[in-house]
Amino acid sequence: MKKVVLGSMMFLAGVLSLSIVLAGSMSNEWTVNGQFSSFWNISQYRLMPAFYCFIAIAVIGLVIAVWGLFDKKDNQLPS
């Protein structure tokens, strides 16, 4: 159960961080060929390493949560 909670919180933190970076990048009115580009804005602010770290945190959290669901030791009820 602890792994599921930890993984869920890590996944939530990663997804929220990604959404904040993506939303913040579109707050400026920078365009590429007349089109808004969030990834170009993120790279202009040099935030691509942080973007990749947030993706990694979300993926690791998802893996831990799924691992906690299928873990045999934690799923047994005490007698």
PDB file of N, CA and C in Angstrom:
ATOM      1  N   MET A   1       0.822  -1.195   0.000  1.00  0.00           N
ATOM      2  CA  MET A   1       0.000   0.000   0.000  1.00  0.00           C
ATOM      3  C   MET A   1       0.864   1.257   0.000  1.00  0.00           C
ATOM      4  N   LYS A   2       2.009   1.202   0.693  1.00  0.00           N
ATOM      5  CA  LYS A   2       2.880   2.364   0.758  1.00  0.00           C
ATOM      6  C   LYS A   2       3.467   2.687  -0.613  1.00  0.00           C
ATOM      7  N   LYS A   3       3.764   1.643  -1.393  1.00  0.00           N
ATOM      8  CA  LYS A   3       4.316   1.862  -2.723  1.00  0.00           C
ATOM      9  C   LYS A   3       3.287   2.529  -3.638  1.00  0.00           C
ATOM     10  N   VAL A   4       2.047   2.154  -3.484  1.00  0.00           N
ATOM     11  CA  VAL A   4       0.987   2.742  -4.312  1.00  0.00           C
ATOM     12  C   VAL A   4       0.833   4.234  -3.998  1.00  0.00           C
ATOM     13  N   VAL A   5       0.867   4.577  -2.720  1.00  0.00           N
ATOM     14  CA  VAL A   5       0.720   5.981  -2.328  1.00  0.00           C
ATOM     15  C   VAL A   5       1.927   6.786  -2.792  1.00  0.00           C
ATOM     16  N   LEU A   6       3.141   6.255  -2.569  1.00  0.00           N
ATOM     17  CA  LEU A   6       4.353   6.948  -3.007  1.00  0.00           C
ATOM     18  C   LEU A   6       4.349   7.136  -4.520  1.00  0.00           C
ATOM     19  N   GLY A   7       4.045   6.073  -5.250  1.00  0.00           N
ATOM     20  CA  GLY A   7       4.015   6.163  -6.708  1.00  0.00           C
ATOM     21  C   GLY A   7       2.955   7.123  -7.211  1.00  0.00           C
ATOM     22  N   SER A   8       1.805   7.127  -6.569  1.00  0.00           N
ATOM     23  CA  SER A   8       0.734   8.038  -6.980  1.00  0.00           C
ATOM     24  C   SER A   8       1.124   9.493  -6.747  1.00  0.00           C
ATOM     25  N   MET A   9       1.767   9.751  -5.611  1.00  0.00           N
ATOM     26  CA  MET A   9       2.198  11.125  -5.318  1.00  0.00           C
ATOM     27  C   MET A   9       3.302  11.575  -6.268  1.00  0.00           C
ATOM     28  N   MET A  10       4.225  10.666  -6.606  1.00  0.00           N
ATOM     29  CA  MET A  10       5.274  11.016  -7.570  1.00  0.00           C
ATOM     30  C   MET A  10       4.684  11.273  -8.950  1.00  0.00           C
ATOM     31  N   PHE A  11       3.737  10.443  -9.353  1.00  0.00           N
ATOM     32  CA  PHE A  11       3.080  10.628 -10.643  1.00  0.00           C
ATOM     33  C   PHE A  11       2.339  11.962 -10.678  1.00  0.00           C
ATOM     34  N   LEU A  12       1.616  12.263  -9.598  1.00  0.00           N
ATOM     35  CA  LEU A  12       0.885  13.526  -9.523  1.00  0.00           C
ATOM     36  C   LEU A  12       1.837  14.712  -9.569  1.00  0.00           C
ATOM     37  N   ALA A  13       2.940  14.631  -8.842  1.00  0.00           N
ATOM     38  CA  ALA A  13       3.918  15.725  -8.841  1.00  0.00           C
ATOM     39  C   ALA A  13       4.516  15.929 -10.226  1.00  0.00           C
ATOM     40  N   GLY A  14       4.842  14.840 -10.916  1.00  0.00           N
ATOM     41  CA  GLY A  14       5.404  14.958 -12.257  1.00  0.00           C
ATOM     42  C   GLY A  14       4.426  15.543 -13.256  1.00  0.00           C
ATOM     43  N   VAL A  15       3.182  15.084 -13.202  1.00  0.00           N
ATOM     44  CA  VAL A  15       2.169  15.579 -14.147  1.00  0.00           C
ATOM     45  C   VAL A  15       1.842  17.050 -13.879  1.00  0.00           C
ATOM     46  N   LEU A  16       1.708  17.418 -12.605  1.00  0.00           N
ATOM     47  CA  LEU A  16       1.438  18.827 -12.285  1.00  0.00           C
ATOM     48  C   LEU A  16       2.597  19.727 -12.692  1.00  0.00           C
ATOM     49  N   SER A  17       3.822  19.271 -12.489  1.00  0.00           N
ATOM     50  CA  SER A  17       4.982  20.052 -12.898  1.00  0.00           C
ATOM     51  C   SER A  17       5.024  20.225 -14.410  1.00  0.00           C
ATOM     52  N   LEU A  18       4.731  19.148 -15.133  1.00  0.00           N
ATOM     53  CA  LEU A  18       4.681  19.242 -16.594  1.00  0.00           C
ATOM     54  C   LEU A  18       3.608  20.224 -17.059  1.00  0.00           C
ATOM     55  N   SER A  19       2.446  20.169 -16.433  1.00  0.00           N
ATOM     56  CA  SER A  19       1.364  21.057 -16.856  1.00  0.00           C
ATOM     57  C   SER A  19       1.694  22.521 -16.544  1.00  0.00           C
ATOM     58  N   ILE A  20       2.382  22.777 -15.437  1.00  0.00           N
ATOM     59  CA  ILE A  20       2.766  24.147 -15.113  1.00  0.00           C
ATOM     60  C   ILE A  20       3.790  24.664 -16.111  1.00  0.00           C
ATOM     61  N   VAL A  21       4.771  23.833 -16.472  1.00  0.00           N
ATOM     62  CA  VAL A  21       5.776  24.262 -17.447  1.00  0.00           C
ATOM     63  C   VAL A  21       5.128  24.497 -18.813  1.00  0.00           C
ATOM     64  N   LEU A  22       4.244  23.598 -19.228  1.00  0.00           N
ATOM     65  CA  LEU A  22       3.586  23.775 -20.533  1.00  0.00           C
ATOM     66  C   LEU A  22       2.665  24.992 -20.546  1.00  0.00           C
ATOM     67  N   ALA A  23       1.926  25.212 -19.465  1.00  0.00           N
ATOM     68  CA  ALA A  23       1.028  26.364 -19.414  1.00  0.00           C
ATOM     69  C   ALA A  23       1.825  27.667 -19.335  1.00  0.00           C
ATOM     70  N   GLY A  24       2.910  27.643 -18.587  1.00  0.00           N
ATOM     71  CA  GLY A  24       3.737  28.846 -18.481  1.00  0.00           C
ATOM     72  C   GLY A  24       4.429  29.199 -19.780  1.00  0.00           C
ATOM     73  N   SER A  25       4.764  28.185 -20.562  1.00  0.00           N
ATOM     74  CA  SER A  25       5.435  28.465 -21.834  1.00  0.00           C
ATOM     75  C   SER A  25       4.490  29.098 -22.843  1.00  0.00           C
ATOM     76  N   MET A  26       3.212  28.864 -22.691  1.00  0.00           N
ATOM     77  CA  MET A  26       2.258  29.452 -23.637  1.00  0.00           C
ATOM     78  C   MET A  26       1.736  30.807 -23.173  1.00  0.00           C
ATOM     79  N   SER A  27       2.208  31.283 -22.033  1.00  0.00           N
ATOM     80  CA  SER A  27       1.741  32.587 -21.562  1.00  0.00           C
ATOM     81  C   SER A  27       2.351  33.715 -22.377  1.00  0.00           C
ATOM     82  N   ASN A  28       3.532  33.476 -22.960  1.00  0.00           N
ATOM     83  CA  ASN A  28       4.127  34.475 -23.856  1.00  0.00           C
ATOM     84  C   ASN A  28       3.492  34.365 -25.235  1.00  0.00           C
ATOM     85  N   GLU A  29       3.691  35.377 -26.016  1.00  0.00           N
ATOM     86  CA  GLU A  29       3.110  35.354 -27.362  1.00  0.00           C
ATOM     87  C   GLU A  29       4.178  35.115 -28.413  1.00  0.00           C
ATOM     88  N   TRP A  30       5.118  34.233 -28.131  1.00  0.00           N
ATOM     89  CA  TRP A  30       6.126  33.883 -29.115  1.00  0.00           C
ATOM     90  C   TRP A  30       5.526  32.903 -30.100  1.00  0.00           C
ATOM     91  N   THR A  31       5.842  33.102 -31.355  1.00  0.00           N
ATOM     92  CA  THR A  31       5.304  32.218 -32.389  1.00  0.00           C
ATOM     93  C   THR A  31       6.430  31.718 -33.274  1.00  0.00           C
ATOM     94  N   VAL A  32       6.185  30.591 -33.925  1.00  0.00           N
ATOM     95  CA  VAL A  32       7.079  30.033 -34.927  1.00  0.00           C
ATOM     96  C   VAL A  32       6.262  29.886 -36.197  1.00  0.00           C
ATOM     97  N   ASN A  33       6.600  30.648 -37.216  1.00  0.00           N
ATOM     98  CA  ASN A  33       5.865  30.640 -38.481  1.00  0.00           C
ATOM     99  C   ASN A  33       4.381  30.928 -38.261  1.00  0.00           C
ATOM    100  N   GLY A  34       4.081  31.827 -37.359  1.00  0.00           N
ATOM    101  CA  GLY A  34       2.705  32.190 -37.094  1.00  0.00           C
ATOM    102  C   GLY A  34       1.964  31.222 -36.204  1.00  0.00           C
ATOM    103  N   GLN A  35       2.615  30.159 -35.758  1.00  0.00           N
ATOM    104  CA  GLN A  35       2.000  29.147 -34.912  1.00  0.00           C
ATOM    105  C   GLN A  35       2.621  29.216 -33.517  1.00  0.00           C
ATOM    106  N   PHE A  36       1.803  29.045 -32.505  1.00  0.00           N
ATOM    107  CA  PHE A  36       2.324  28.972 -31.148  1.00  0.00           C
ATOM    108  C   PHE A  36       3.031  27.631 -30.955  1.00  0.00           C
ATOM    109  N   SER A  37       4.165  27.659 -30.307  1.00  0.00           N
ATOM    110  CA  SER A  37       4.933  26.442 -30.089  1.00  0.00           C
ATOM    111  C   SER A  37       5.421  26.411 -28.648  1.00  0.00           C
ATOM    112  N   SER A  38       4.856  25.520 -27.853  1.00  0.00           N
ATOM    113  CA  SER A  38       5.258  25.443 -26.448  1.00  0.00           C
ATOM    114  C   SER A  38       6.659  24.861 -26.304  1.00  0.00           C
ATOM    115  N   PHE A  39       7.013  23.887 -27.129  1.00  0.00           N
ATOM    116  CA  PHE A  39       8.337  23.288 -27.004  1.00  0.00           C
ATOM    117  C   PHE A  39       9.437  24.265 -27.412  1.00  0.00           C
ATOM    118  N   TRP A  40       9.175  25.110 -28.383  1.00  0.00           N
ATOM    119  CA  TRP A  40      10.159  26.121 -28.752  1.00  0.00           C
ATOM    120  C   TRP A  40      10.319  27.128 -27.625  1.00  0.00           C
ATOM    121  N   ASN A  41       9.221  27.512 -26.999  1.00  0.00           N
ATOM    122  CA  ASN A  41       9.294  28.435 -25.860  1.00  0.00           C
ATOM    123  C   ASN A  41      10.052  27.815 -24.698  1.00  0.00           C
ATOM    124  N   ILE A  42       9.810  26.547 -24.430  1.00  0.00           N
ATOM    125  CA  ILE A  42      10.509  25.869 -23.339  1.00  0.00           C
ATOM    126  C   ILE A  42      12.003  25.805 -23.630  1.00  0.00           C
ATOM    127  N   SER A  43      12.363  25.537 -24.875  1.00  0.00           N
ATOM    128  CA  SER A  43      13.787  25.476 -25.214  1.00  0.00           C
ATOM    129  C   SER A  43      14.431  26.864 -25.171  1.00  0.00           C
ATOM    130  N   GLN A  44      13.677  27.915 -25.462  1.00  0.00           N
ATOM    131  CA  GLN A  44      14.231  29.264 -25.362  1.00  0.00           C
ATOM    132  C   GLN A  44      14.522  29.653 -23.917  1.00  0.00           C
ATOM    133  N   TYR A  45      13.733  29.170 -22.988  1.00  0.00           N
ATOM    134  CA  TYR A  45      13.969  29.419 -21.565  1.00  0.00           C
ATOM    135  C   TYR A  45      14.954  28.417 -20.967  1.00  0.00           C
ATOM    136  N   ARG A  46      15.479  27.492 -21.779  1.00  0.00           N
ATOM    137  CA  ARG A  46      16.410  26.465 -21.338  1.00  0.00           C
ATOM    138  C   ARG A  46      15.798  25.560 -20.261  1.00  0.00           C
ATOM    139  N   LEU A  47      14.550  25.191 -20.448  1.00  0.00           N
ATOM    140  CA  LEU A  47      13.841  24.346 -19.493  1.00  0.00           C
ATOM    141  C   LEU A  47      13.643  22.918 -19.986  1.00  0.00           C
ATOM    142  N   MET A  48      14.256  22.557 -21.103  1.00  0.00           N
ATOM    143  CA  MET A  48      14.083  21.195 -21.605  1.00  0.00           C
ATOM    144  C   MET A  48      14.645  20.138 -20.647  1.00  0.00           C
ATOM    145  N   PRO A  49      15.801  20.353 -19.985  1.00  0.00           N
ATOM    146  CA  PRO A  49      16.238  19.340 -19.002  1.00  0.00           C
ATOM    147  C   PRO A  49      15.240  19.177 -17.854  1.00  0.00           C
ATOM    148  N   ALA A  50      14.669  20.264 -17.381  1.00  0.00           N
ATOM    149  CA  ALA A  50      13.654  20.167 -16.320  1.00  0.00           C
ATOM    150  C   ALA A  50      12.416  19.456 -16.842  1.00  0.00           C
ATOM    151  N   PHE A  51      12.031  19.734 -18.073  1.00  0.00           N
ATOM    152  CA  PHE A  51      10.886  19.078 -18.699  1.00  0.00           C
ATOM    153  C   PHE A  51      11.097  17.562 -18.741  1.00  0.00           C
ATOM    154  N   TYR A  52      12.306  17.140 -19.144  1.00  0.00           N
ATOM    155  CA  TYR A  52      12.604  15.711 -19.201  1.00  0.00           C
ATOM    156  C   TYR A  52      12.656  15.091 -17.804  1.00  0.00           C
ATOM    157  N   CYS A  53      13.147  15.828 -16.818  1.00  0.00           N
ATOM    158  CA  CYS A  53      13.164  15.323 -15.434  1.00  0.00           C
ATOM    159  C   CYS A  53      11.746  15.130 -14.914  1.00  0.00           C
ATOM    160  N   PHE A  54      10.843  16.055 -15.227  1.00  0.00           N
ATOM    161  CA  PHE A  54       9.456  15.931 -14.785  1.00  0.00           C
ATOM    162  C   PHE A  54       8.784  14.729 -15.444  1.00  0.00           C
ATOM    163  N   ILE A  55       9.104  14.485 -16.716  1.00  0.00           N
ATOM    164  CA  ILE A  55       8.574  13.295 -17.391  1.00  0.00           C
ATOM    165  C   ILE A  55       9.096  12.033 -16.707  1.00  0.00           C
ATOM    166  N   ALA A  56      10.386  12.030 -16.369  1.00  0.00           N
ATOM    167  CA  ALA A  56      10.978  10.864 -15.707  1.00  0.00           C
ATOM    168  C   ALA A  56      10.338  10.633 -14.339  1.00  0.00           C
ATOM    169  N   ILE A  57      10.085  11.695 -13.583  1.00  0.00           N
ATOM    170  CA  ILE A  57       9.448  11.555 -12.270  1.00  0.00           C
ATOM    171  C   ILE A  57       8.052  10.958 -12.415  1.00  0.00           C
ATOM    172  N   ALA A  58       7.306  11.423 -13.411  1.00  0.00           N
ATOM    173  CA  ALA A  58       5.957  10.893 -13.628  1.00  0.00           C
ATOM    174  C   ALA A  58       5.990   9.426 -14.022  1.00  0.00           C
ATOM    175  N   VAL A  59       6.905   9.051 -14.900  1.00  0.00           N
ATOM    176  CA  VAL A  59       6.988   7.658 -15.341  1.00  0.00           C
ATOM    177  C   VAL A  59       7.441   6.754 -14.200  1.00  0.00           C
ATOM    178  N   ILE A  60       8.445   7.189 -13.435  1.00  0.00           N
ATOM    179  CA  ILE A  60       8.919   6.393 -12.299  1.00  0.00           C
ATOM    180  C   ILE A  60       7.805   6.233 -11.268  1.00  0.00           C
ATOM    181  N   GLY A  61       7.061   7.299 -11.011  1.00  0.00           N
ATOM    182  CA  GLY A  61       5.941   7.211 -10.076  1.00  0.00           C
ATOM    183  C   GLY A  61       4.873   6.247 -10.542  1.00  0.00           C
ATOM    184  N   LEU A  62       4.570   6.255 -11.824  1.00  0.00           N
ATOM    185  CA  LEU A  62       3.584   5.324 -12.369  1.00  0.00           C
ATOM    186  C   LEU A  62       4.064   3.880 -12.238  1.00  0.00           C
ATOM    187  N   VAL A  63       5.345   3.652 -12.506  1.00  0.00           N
ATOM    188  CA  VAL A  63       5.901   2.301 -12.397  1.00  0.00           C
ATOM    189  C   VAL A  63       5.853   1.823 -10.943  1.00  0.00           C
ATOM    190  N   ILE A  64       6.201   2.685  -9.993  1.00  0.00           N
ATOM    191  CA  ILE A  64       6.166   2.302  -8.583  1.00  0.00           C
ATOM    192  C   ILE A  64       4.733   1.999  -8.137  1.00  0.00           C
ATOM    193  N   ALA A  65       3.783   2.812  -8.585  1.00  0.00           N
ATOM    194  CA  ALA A  65       2.384   2.580  -8.202  1.00  0.00           C
ATOM    195  C   ALA A  65       1.866   1.260  -8.753  1.00  0.00           C
ATOM    196  N   VAL A  66       2.164   0.960  -9.996  1.00  0.00           N
ATOM    197  CA  VAL A  66       1.719  -0.305 -10.580  1.00  0.00           C
ATOM    198  C   VAL A  66       2.428  -1.479  -9.917  1.00  0.00           C
ATOM    199  N   TRP A  67       3.708  -1.314  -9.605  1.00  0.00           N
ATOM    200  CA  TRP A  67       4.462  -2.352  -8.907  1.00  0.00           C
ATOM    201  C   TRP A  67       3.847  -2.609  -7.528  1.00  0.00           C
ATOM    202  N   GLY A  68       3.436  -1.559  -6.843  1.00  0.00           N
ATOM    203  CA  GLY A  68       2.802  -1.712  -5.541  1.00  0.00           C
ATOM    204  C   GLY A  68       1.457  -2.412  -5.623  1.00  0.00           C
ATOM    205  N   LEU A  69       0.750  -2.254  -6.729  1.00  0.00           N
ATOM    206  CA  LEU A  69      -0.532  -2.939  -6.892  1.00  0.00           C
ATOM    207  C   LEU A  69      -0.357  -4.451  -7.011  1.00  0.00           C
ATOM    208  N   PHE A  70       0.702  -4.861  -7.684  1.00  0.00           N
ATOM    209  CA  PHE A  70       0.905  -6.281  -7.945  1.00  0.00           C
ATOM    210  C   PHE A  70       1.867  -6.942  -6.974  1.00  0.00           C
ATOM    211  N   ASP A  71       2.309  -6.238  -5.957  1.00  0.00           N
ATOM    212  CA  ASP A  71       3.224  -6.800  -4.969  1.00  0.00           C
ATOM    213  C   ASP A  71       2.461  -7.765  -4.067  1.00  0.00           C
ATOM    214  N   LYS A  72       2.917  -8.996  -3.957  1.00  0.00           N
ATOM    215  CA  LYS A  72       2.211 -10.041  -3.201  1.00  0.00           C
ATOM    216  C   LYS A  72       2.311  -9.826  -1.694  1.00  0.00           C
ATOM    217  N   LYS A  73       3.443  -9.320  -1.221  1.00  0.00           N
ATOM    218  CA  LYS A  73       3.654  -9.194   0.213  1.00  0.00           C
ATOM    219  C   LYS A  73       2.708  -8.190   0.850  1.00  0.00           C
ATOM    220  N   ASP A  74       2.466  -7.064   0.221  1.00  0.00           N
ATOM    221  CA  ASP A  74       1.630  -6.025   0.804  1.00  0.00           C
ATOM    222  C   ASP A  74       0.140  -6.297   0.665  1.00  0.00           C
ATOM    223  N   ASN A  75      -0.262  -7.149  -0.255  1.00  0.00           N
ATOM    224  CA  ASN A  75      -1.691  -7.370  -0.501  1.00  0.00           C
ATOM    225  C   ASN A  75      -2.321  -8.369   0.446  1.00  0.00           C
ATOM    226  N   GLN A  76      -1.540  -9.045   1.280  1.00  0.00           N
ATOM    227  CA  GLN A  76      -2.100 -10.029   2.196  1.00  0.00           C
ATOM    228  C   GLN A  76      -2.694  -9.331   3.408  1.00  0.00           C
ATOM    229  N   LEU A  77      -3.857  -9.762   3.800  1.00  0.00           N
ATOM    230  CA  LEU A  77      -4.526  -9.200   4.970  1.00  0.00           C
ATOM    231  C   LEU A  77      -3.956  -9.829   6.238  1.00  0.00           C
ATOM    232  N   PRO A  78      -3.765  -9.029   7.292  1.00  0.00           N
ATOM    233  CA  PRO A  78      -3.261  -9.622   8.543  1.00  0.00           C
ATOM    234  C   PRO A  78      -4.335 -10.494   9.187  1.00  0.00           C
ATOM    235  N   SER A  79      -3.899 -11.567   9.866  1.00  0.00           N
ATOM    236  CA  SER A  79      -4.874 -12.444  10.505  1.00  0.00           C
ATOM    237  C   SER A  79      -5.049 -12.139  11.962  1.00  0.00           C
TER     238      SER A  79
END
